[in-house]
Protein backbone atom coordinates (compact mmCIF):
# COMPACT_ATOMS: atom_id res chain seq x y z
CA MET A 1 74.15 108.40 103.74
CA VAL A 2 74.52 105.65 101.24
CA GLU A 3 76.31 102.65 102.62
CA ILE A 4 77.29 101.36 99.21
CA GLY A 5 76.22 97.76 98.52
CA ARG A 6 74.50 97.37 101.90
CA ARG A 7 71.71 99.70 100.79
CA ARG A 8 71.10 97.50 97.75
CA VAL A 9 70.30 94.50 99.88
CA LEU A 10 67.82 95.88 102.37
CA ALA A 11 65.43 93.17 103.45
CA ALA A 12 62.58 92.77 101.01
CA ALA A 13 59.27 94.07 102.27
CA GLY A 14 57.28 91.28 100.59
CA GLY A 15 54.38 91.52 98.19
CA GLY A 16 51.78 92.38 100.82
CA ALA A 17 53.90 95.10 102.36
CA LEU A 18 54.66 96.51 98.93
CA ALA A 19 51.00 96.70 98.02
CA ALA A 20 50.21 98.33 101.34
CA GLY A 21 53.03 100.82 100.86
CA LEU A 22 51.73 101.84 97.45
CA ALA A 23 48.22 102.16 98.77
CA THR A 24 49.35 104.62 101.44
CA ALA A 25 51.75 106.56 99.22
CA CYS A 26 49.16 109.27 98.60
CA GLY A 27 47.67 110.73 101.71
CA SER A 28 50.13 109.85 104.48
CA ASN A 29 50.97 113.19 106.06
CA THR A 30 54.51 112.70 107.40
CA GLY A 31 56.12 116.08 107.02
CA ARG A 32 53.94 118.76 105.54
CA GLY A 33 55.20 122.29 105.16
CA GLY A 34 52.37 124.10 106.92
CA GLY A 35 52.77 127.61 105.49
CA SER A 36 52.02 127.13 101.79
CA SER A 37 48.97 127.47 99.63
CA GLY A 38 50.69 125.79 96.69
CA PRO A 39 50.31 122.23 95.36
CA GLU A 40 51.12 119.17 97.45
CA ILE A 41 54.39 117.46 96.50
CA ARG A 42 55.00 113.86 97.57
CA GLN A 43 58.66 113.20 98.44
CA TRP A 44 60.09 109.73 99.17
CA TYR A 45 63.23 108.76 101.09
CA HIS A 46 64.56 105.31 101.86
CA GLN A 47 64.81 104.53 105.58
CA TYR A 48 68.16 105.86 106.79
CA GLY A 49 69.61 104.25 109.90
CA GLU A 50 71.22 107.44 111.16
CA PRO A 51 69.42 109.03 114.15
CA GLY A 52 67.83 112.36 113.34
CA ALA A 53 67.79 111.97 109.57
CA GLU A 54 64.01 111.58 109.31
CA ARG A 55 63.38 114.62 111.50
CA ALA A 56 65.83 116.63 109.41
CA VAL A 57 64.21 115.95 106.03
CA LYS A 58 60.79 116.75 107.46
CA ARG A 59 62.20 120.00 108.82
CA TYR A 60 63.53 120.90 105.36
CA ALA A 61 60.14 120.14 103.83
CA ALA A 62 58.33 122.26 106.41
CA ALA A 63 60.55 125.23 105.57
CA TYR A 64 59.49 125.24 101.89
CA ARG A 65 56.87 127.89 101.10
CA LYS A 66 55.97 127.37 97.43
CA ALA A 67 54.24 124.02 97.94
CA GLU A 68 53.07 121.60 100.61
CA VAL A 69 55.71 118.85 100.79
CA SER A 70 54.59 115.51 102.20
CA VAL A 71 57.57 113.34 103.19
CA GLN A 72 57.30 109.57 102.92
CA TRP A 73 59.87 107.57 104.93
CA ARG A 74 60.00 104.17 103.21
CA PRO A 75 61.19 101.11 105.17
CA GLY A 76 61.86 97.78 103.52
CA ASP A 77 63.00 97.19 99.94
CA TYR A 78 62.97 100.81 98.85
CA ASP A 79 64.32 100.25 95.34
CA ARG A 80 61.64 97.68 94.56
CA GLN A 81 58.90 99.85 96.04
CA THR A 82 60.01 102.85 94.01
CA ALA A 83 60.30 100.91 90.76
CA ALA A 84 56.71 99.71 91.15
CA ALA A 85 55.36 103.10 92.23
CA LEU A 86 56.89 104.93 89.26
CA LEU A 87 54.65 102.89 86.98
CA THR A 88 51.54 104.31 88.65
CA ASP A 89 49.97 107.71 89.26
CA SER A 90 50.14 107.21 93.03
CA GLY A 91 53.91 107.28 93.26
CA PRO A 92 56.18 110.10 94.45
CA ASP A 93 56.75 113.41 92.72
CA VAL A 94 60.27 113.71 94.10
CA PHE A 95 62.25 110.69 95.27
CA GLU A 96 65.66 109.27 96.05
CA ALA A 97 67.14 107.20 93.23
CA ASN A 98 69.80 104.62 94.00
CA GLY A 99 72.86 104.05 91.81
CA PRO A 100 72.90 104.34 88.02
CA LEU A 101 69.57 105.57 86.61
CA LEU A 102 69.66 103.90 83.19
CA GLU A 103 66.54 101.78 83.60
CA GLN A 104 64.46 104.72 84.88
CA ILE A 105 65.78 107.01 82.14
CA GLN A 106 65.17 104.58 79.30
CA GLY A 107 61.80 103.71 80.76
CA GLY A 108 60.72 107.35 80.69
CA GLN A 109 60.22 107.35 84.46
CA VAL A 110 62.41 110.30 85.46
CA ALA A 111 62.37 113.92 84.33
CA ASP A 112 65.26 115.80 82.76
CA LEU A 113 66.91 117.99 85.43
CA THR A 114 69.64 119.48 83.24
CA GLU A 115 68.42 123.06 83.58
CA VAL A 116 68.25 122.66 87.36
CA VAL A 117 71.81 121.35 87.71
CA GLU A 118 73.62 123.12 84.85
CA PRO A 119 74.49 126.37 86.71
CA VAL A 120 76.39 124.42 89.40
CA LYS A 121 77.24 121.24 87.47
CA ASP A 122 81.00 121.66 87.83
CA ASP A 123 80.66 122.01 91.60
CA PHE A 124 79.36 118.47 92.05
CA HIS A 125 81.71 115.59 92.72
CA GLN A 126 82.15 114.43 89.14
CA ALA A 127 82.44 110.70 89.85
CA ALA A 128 79.15 110.83 91.78
CA LEU A 129 77.42 112.90 89.09
CA ALA A 130 78.53 110.81 86.10
CA PRO A 131 76.04 107.92 86.63
CA LYS A 132 73.19 110.47 86.59
CA ILE A 133 74.05 111.68 83.06
CA TRP A 134 72.68 110.13 79.87
CA GLN A 135 72.92 111.61 76.38
CA ASP A 136 74.39 114.81 77.86
CA LYS A 137 71.37 115.34 80.10
CA VAL A 138 71.30 115.23 83.90
CA TRP A 139 68.58 113.03 85.40
CA GLY A 140 69.37 113.17 89.11
CA ILE A 141 70.97 115.50 91.67
CA PRO A 142 73.55 113.83 93.96
CA GLN A 143 72.65 114.39 97.60
CA VAL A 144 75.73 113.23 99.51
CA VAL A 145 78.82 111.21 98.59
CA ASP A 146 79.69 108.01 100.42
CA VAL A 147 83.18 106.60 100.20
CA GLN A 148 84.67 103.18 100.90
CA LEU A 149 88.10 103.11 102.53
CA LEU A 150 90.74 100.82 103.97
CA TYR A 151 91.03 101.41 107.72
CA TYR A 152 94.21 100.25 109.43
CA ARG A 153 95.21 100.08 113.11
CA LYS A 154 98.51 101.92 113.47
CA SER A 155 99.68 100.13 116.60
CA LEU A 156 98.94 96.64 115.29
CA LEU A 157 100.78 97.29 112.04
CA ARG A 158 103.72 98.85 113.89
CA ASP A 159 103.99 95.93 116.31
CA ALA A 160 104.03 93.47 113.41
CA GLY A 161 106.57 95.50 111.41
CA VAL A 162 104.05 96.09 108.63
CA GLU A 163 103.87 99.38 106.71
CA PRO A 164 100.48 100.73 105.61
CA PRO A 165 100.00 98.99 102.25
CA ARG A 166 100.46 101.09 99.12
CA THR A 167 100.26 98.18 96.66
CA LEU A 168 98.05 95.11 96.49
CA ASP A 169 101.10 92.87 96.95
CA GLU A 170 101.88 94.74 100.17
CA LEU A 171 98.28 94.28 101.29
CA VAL A 172 98.45 90.52 100.67
CA ASP A 173 101.79 90.15 102.44
CA GLY A 174 100.85 92.46 105.30
CA ALA A 175 97.50 90.78 105.94
CA LYS A 176 99.26 87.42 106.21
CA LYS A 177 101.80 88.75 108.72
CA LEU A 178 99.04 90.37 110.77
CA SER A 179 96.96 87.19 111.01
CA GLY A 180 97.20 85.04 114.11
CA ARG A 181 95.13 82.88 116.42
CA LYS A 182 93.10 85.74 117.89
CA SER A 183 92.78 88.13 114.99
CA LYS A 184 93.06 88.38 111.23
CA GLY A 185 94.88 90.79 109.01
CA LEU A 186 91.97 92.04 106.92
CA PHE A 187 88.17 92.16 106.93
CA LEU A 188 86.42 92.58 103.58
CA GLY A 189 83.05 91.35 104.76
CA ASN A 190 81.81 87.98 105.90
CA ASP A 191 81.69 86.75 102.30
CA GLY A 192 85.36 87.52 101.72
CA GLY A 193 84.70 90.71 99.79
CA VAL A 194 82.36 89.37 97.14
CA GLY A 195 79.55 91.79 97.94
CA VAL A 196 81.46 94.95 98.69
CA LEU A 197 84.53 95.06 96.44
CA GLY A 198 82.71 95.42 93.13
CA GLY A 199 84.95 96.94 90.49
CA THR A 200 87.42 98.37 93.02
CA PRO A 201 90.22 95.84 92.33
CA LEU A 202 89.80 96.36 88.59
CA PHE A 203 90.24 100.12 88.93
CA ALA A 204 93.25 99.45 91.16
CA ALA A 205 94.74 97.54 88.24
CA GLY A 206 94.22 100.55 85.97
CA LEU A 207 91.13 99.08 84.31
CA SER A 208 87.40 99.87 84.50
CA LEU A 209 84.01 98.21 84.41
CA ILE A 210 83.06 99.77 81.07
CA THR A 211 85.33 101.63 78.66
CA GLU A 212 84.57 105.05 77.21
CA ASP A 213 83.65 103.43 73.90
CA GLY A 214 81.09 101.18 75.61
CA LYS A 215 82.77 97.80 76.04
CA ALA A 216 83.66 95.63 79.02
CA GLY A 217 86.65 97.34 80.59
CA PHE A 218 88.35 94.30 82.10
CA ASP A 219 89.11 92.20 79.02
CA ASP A 220 92.75 92.29 80.00
CA PRO A 221 95.19 89.84 81.64
CA ALA A 222 95.75 92.38 84.43
CA ALA A 223 92.20 91.79 85.68
CA ALA A 224 92.79 88.08 86.23
CA ARG A 225 96.12 88.72 87.96
CA THR A 226 94.55 91.21 90.34
CA LEU A 227 91.56 89.06 91.25
CA GLY A 228 93.95 86.15 91.75
CA LYS A 229 95.59 88.20 94.51
CA ILE A 230 92.22 88.73 96.18
CA ARG A 231 91.84 84.96 96.09
CA GLN A 232 95.28 84.66 97.70
CA LEU A 233 94.06 86.62 100.71
CA TYR A 234 91.31 84.03 101.16
CA ALA A 235 93.63 81.07 100.56
CA ASP A 236 96.18 82.42 103.06
CA LYS A 237 93.43 82.60 105.68
CA SER A 238 94.26 86.28 106.12
CA LEU A 239 90.61 87.34 105.89
CA LEU A 240 88.29 87.61 108.86
CA LEU A 241 85.14 85.61 108.14
CA GLY A 242 82.06 85.14 110.29
CA ALA A 243 82.36 88.40 112.22
CA PRO A 244 79.41 89.40 114.43
CA THR A 245 78.61 92.31 112.09
CA ASP A 246 79.44 92.83 108.42
CA TRP A 247 81.83 95.19 106.61
CA SER A 248 79.67 98.31 106.94
CA ASP A 249 79.94 98.19 110.74
CA PRO A 250 83.38 98.91 112.29
CA ALA A 251 82.82 96.70 115.36
CA ALA A 252 85.29 94.01 114.26
CA PHE A 253 87.99 96.63 113.68
CA ILE A 254 87.34 98.43 116.96
CA GLN A 255 87.35 95.16 118.94
CA GLY A 256 90.71 94.12 117.49
CA LEU A 257 89.37 91.15 115.53
CA THR A 258 91.13 92.53 112.46
CA ALA A 259 94.07 94.87 111.91
CA MET A 260 92.60 96.30 108.71
CA GLN A 261 89.03 96.64 107.50
CA TRP A 262 87.32 97.82 104.34
CA SER A 263 84.37 99.97 105.36
CA GLY A 264 82.66 103.29 104.71
CA LEU A 265 83.42 106.86 105.68
CA TRP A 266 80.28 106.74 107.83
CA ALA A 267 82.21 104.49 110.25
CA LEU A 268 84.95 107.05 110.90
CA PRO A 269 83.40 108.94 113.88
CA GLN A 270 82.69 105.68 115.70
CA ILE A 271 86.24 104.44 115.08
CA GLU A 272 87.76 107.76 116.15
CA LYS A 273 85.72 107.78 119.35
CA ALA A 274 86.91 104.27 120.23
CA LEU A 275 90.53 104.38 119.05
CA GLY A 276 91.53 108.03 119.15
CA ASP A 277 94.36 108.58 116.67
CA ASP A 278 95.39 104.91 116.54
CA PHE A 279 94.11 104.43 113.01
CA GLY A 280 94.53 105.70 109.48
CA VAL A 281 92.74 105.38 106.16
CA LEU A 282 93.92 104.49 102.68
CA PRO A 283 92.40 103.94 99.25
CA PHE A 284 92.38 100.40 97.91
CA PRO A 285 96.04 99.94 96.94
CA LYS A 286 97.17 99.95 93.32
CA ASP A 287 98.24 96.80 91.52
CA GLY A 288 100.82 96.49 88.78
CA SER A 289 102.76 99.08 86.82
CA GLY A 290 99.58 100.49 85.26
CA GLY A 291 97.58 100.48 88.44
CA LYS A 292 96.33 103.31 90.62
CA PRO A 293 94.74 103.68 94.05
CA SER A 294 90.99 103.11 93.92
CA VAL A 295 88.08 104.50 95.94
CA GLN A 296 84.47 103.57 95.25
CA VAL A 297 82.03 106.43 95.71
CA GLY A 298 78.27 106.38 95.57
CA ALA A 299 75.42 108.80 95.94
CA TYR A 300 71.68 108.63 96.20
CA ALA A 301 70.23 111.21 93.86
CA CYS A 302 67.16 113.39 94.04
CA ALA A 303 65.00 112.62 91.01
CA VAL A 304 61.63 113.81 89.75
CA SER A 305 59.00 111.42 88.44
CA ALA A 306 58.14 111.89 84.77
CA ARG A 307 54.56 110.81 85.61
CA SER A 308 54.11 113.53 88.20
CA LYS A 309 51.18 115.86 87.50
CA ARG A 310 53.12 118.47 89.47
CA GLN A 311 56.39 118.05 87.60
CA ALA A 312 57.24 121.77 87.31
CA ALA A 313 56.58 122.33 91.02
CA ALA A 314 58.58 119.19 91.87
CA LYS A 315 61.57 120.43 89.86
CA THR A 316 61.40 123.81 91.59
CA PHE A 317 61.41 122.11 94.98
CA ALA A 318 64.29 119.79 94.00
CA LYS A 319 66.31 122.82 92.92
CA TRP A 320 65.51 124.68 96.14
CA LEU A 321 66.61 121.79 98.35
CA TRP A 322 69.55 120.24 96.50
CA VAL A 323 70.96 123.24 94.61
CA ASP A 324 69.98 126.43 96.44
CA ARG A 325 69.87 125.40 100.11
CA THR A 326 73.54 124.64 100.68
CA ASP A 327 72.98 124.95 104.44
CA TYR A 328 70.58 122.01 104.37
CA GLN A 329 72.91 120.04 102.09
CA GLN A 330 75.76 120.53 104.57
CA ASP A 331 73.52 119.60 107.48
CA PHE A 332 72.24 116.46 105.77
CA ALA A 333 75.76 115.26 104.96
CA LEU A 334 77.45 115.83 108.28
CA SER A 335 74.90 116.03 111.10
CA TYR A 336 73.33 112.56 110.68
CA GLY A 337 76.05 110.02 110.10
CA PHE A 338 79.22 111.13 108.34
CA HIS A 339 79.36 111.77 104.60
CA ILE A 340 80.96 114.09 102.09
CA PRO A 341 78.69 116.82 100.70
CA ALA A 342 78.06 116.22 97.01
CA ARG A 343 79.15 119.78 96.24
CA ILE A 344 82.92 120.26 96.10
CA SER A 345 82.69 123.79 97.52
CA LEU A 346 80.77 122.53 100.55
CA ALA A 347 83.22 119.70 101.18
CA LYS A 348 86.06 122.23 101.25
CA LYS A 349 84.22 124.40 103.79
CA ALA A 350 83.24 121.59 106.18
CA GLU A 351 85.22 121.86 109.43
CA GLN A 352 84.70 118.16 110.14
CA LEU A 353 86.52 117.25 106.91
CA ARG A 354 89.53 119.53 107.19
CA GLN A 355 91.99 117.43 109.18
CA GLY A 356 93.09 113.91 110.03
CA PRO A 357 91.67 110.80 108.38
CA ALA A 358 88.52 112.68 107.32
CA ALA A 359 90.59 115.10 105.25
CA ASP A 360 92.49 112.14 103.80
CA ALA A 361 89.20 110.53 102.82
CA VAL A 362 88.03 113.66 100.98
CA ARG A 363 91.34 113.83 99.13
CA PHE A 364 91.20 110.15 98.18
CA ALA A 365 87.62 110.52 96.94
CA THR A 366 88.60 113.53 94.84
CA ASP A 367 91.81 112.06 93.42
CA HIS A 368 90.89 108.38 93.09
CA GLY A 369 87.09 108.19 93.24
CA TYR A 370 85.06 106.10 90.79
CA ALA A 371 81.39 105.15 90.67
CA GLU A 372 79.60 102.34 88.91
CA PRO A 373 78.97 103.66 85.39
CA LEU A 374 75.50 104.36 84.07
CA LEU A 375 75.64 101.39 81.69
CA TRP A 376 76.58 98.90 84.45
CA THR A 377 73.27 97.11 84.86
CA THR A 378 71.95 94.70 87.47
CA ALA A 379 72.62 91.82 85.08
CA ASP A 380 76.25 92.93 84.70
CA ARG A 381 76.70 93.27 88.44
CA THR A 382 75.22 89.84 89.13
CA ALA A 383 77.40 88.10 86.52
CA TYR A 384 80.54 89.77 87.82
CA GLN A 385 79.82 89.13 91.51
CA ASP A 386 78.98 85.47 90.85
CA ALA A 387 82.32 85.07 89.09
CA LEU A 388 84.10 86.94 91.90
CA SER A 389 82.57 84.55 94.44
CA ARG A 390 83.81 81.53 92.54
CA ILE A 391 87.28 83.02 92.21
CA ILE A 392 87.65 84.05 95.84
CA LYS A 393 85.91 81.21 97.64
CA ASP A 394 86.32 78.26 95.28
CA GLY A 395 89.64 79.08 93.66
CA ALA A 396 88.13 79.12 90.17
CA ASN A 397 90.42 80.21 87.34
CA PRO A 398 90.19 84.02 87.10
CA GLU A 399 90.93 84.11 83.37
CA SER A 400 88.15 81.73 82.33
CA GLU A 401 85.67 83.26 84.77
CA LEU A 402 86.33 86.77 83.50
CA LYS A 403 86.10 85.72 79.86
CA THR A 404 82.56 84.52 80.53
CA VAL A 405 81.67 87.76 82.31
CA VAL A 406 83.15 89.86 79.48
CA ARG A 407 80.90 88.09 76.96
CA LYS A 408 77.82 88.63 79.13
CA VAL A 409 78.63 92.30 79.76
CA ASN A 410 79.28 93.05 76.09
CA ALA A 411 76.00 91.39 75.15
CA GLU A 412 74.17 93.38 77.82
CA LEU A 413 75.77 96.60 76.57
CA GLN A 414 74.49 95.92 73.09
CA ARG A 415 71.02 95.35 74.51
CA VAL A 416 70.82 98.59 76.48
CA LYS A 417 72.34 100.67 73.68
CA LYS A 418 69.52 99.63 71.33
CA LYS A 419 66.85 101.01 73.65
């Protein structure tokens, strides 16, 4: 249930709301498991938009018998609230952690969950699990996997004589042919793809954000060539801009404002209901001879606070919910929104994911999935996205922009490695 990127920019709650949220963190009874005489465990979730999700997690908590689990549903800027709460004794015992966990790990804020995960480690989607691992220890349990995909309207492509794009060059050419007075060829978000694309084009070029030996992974001429093609989409006026809703919502695609749209797997049921079988999905197309299709995956993780006075009980509960109770894991992934279970075995069993575009999405995520690496910090992301904005919107030189980002990323890597 992680709409990648969008979840990072939830509206800030403000200082007063944050203080109020922390003040009520201990004592708000929003999902107690009534049949236990064990300790009380405070569990935090960010506010999901999917109907029924809040009721579901409270139902899971109520079914636990070894402790009283109090569920906190946290609206507003969840990441900021959690970061502040983890510095106090009034924060959660168990909580959702967003993205790479490096700052929490190095800050001693999260507990080691290796023993909890180890028996089923190989059953987790490995790209989603990787950002939760540091120094061979597991610090978070992936809950569900969200995937970003290229949706295309079969009839619109067929009428324009455009094949579903398998390369970035085909995407650029096809989007131009599909663009007219009433609709555009491609929608990457109202900012032209700056916020959502992330490292996806780099992976499509056969590169990465960070190499295995801990250096910037896009210090290569192929990176500039690929980002130059993203700029070409903007320059050709092939991109839909100023849509009523942004990339995470499929409304523009369903209404015919664009023939292709980059969005999340969560949008698939809505698209299928509106368009029937008149659509397909693809990974981001490869670029160049060394390129490969690219699919960004992300996963909120269940983590345990290192400051918790009930740490052992919290770990036991986390194991019960996110390792043992596969029925709840399946329910959470597929009954409220549409997501891939984090466990490979569960994804294979899910009827909803066995055919059509949903099955394609699972295959793409398995074969071509990548996640932001653990060492990719907020500073790295900001530097890269700022450069991407200048390249796409302003036509800045990709080579010089990326050289600056490479220097900043390598310096940041040296900083975090010393901690």
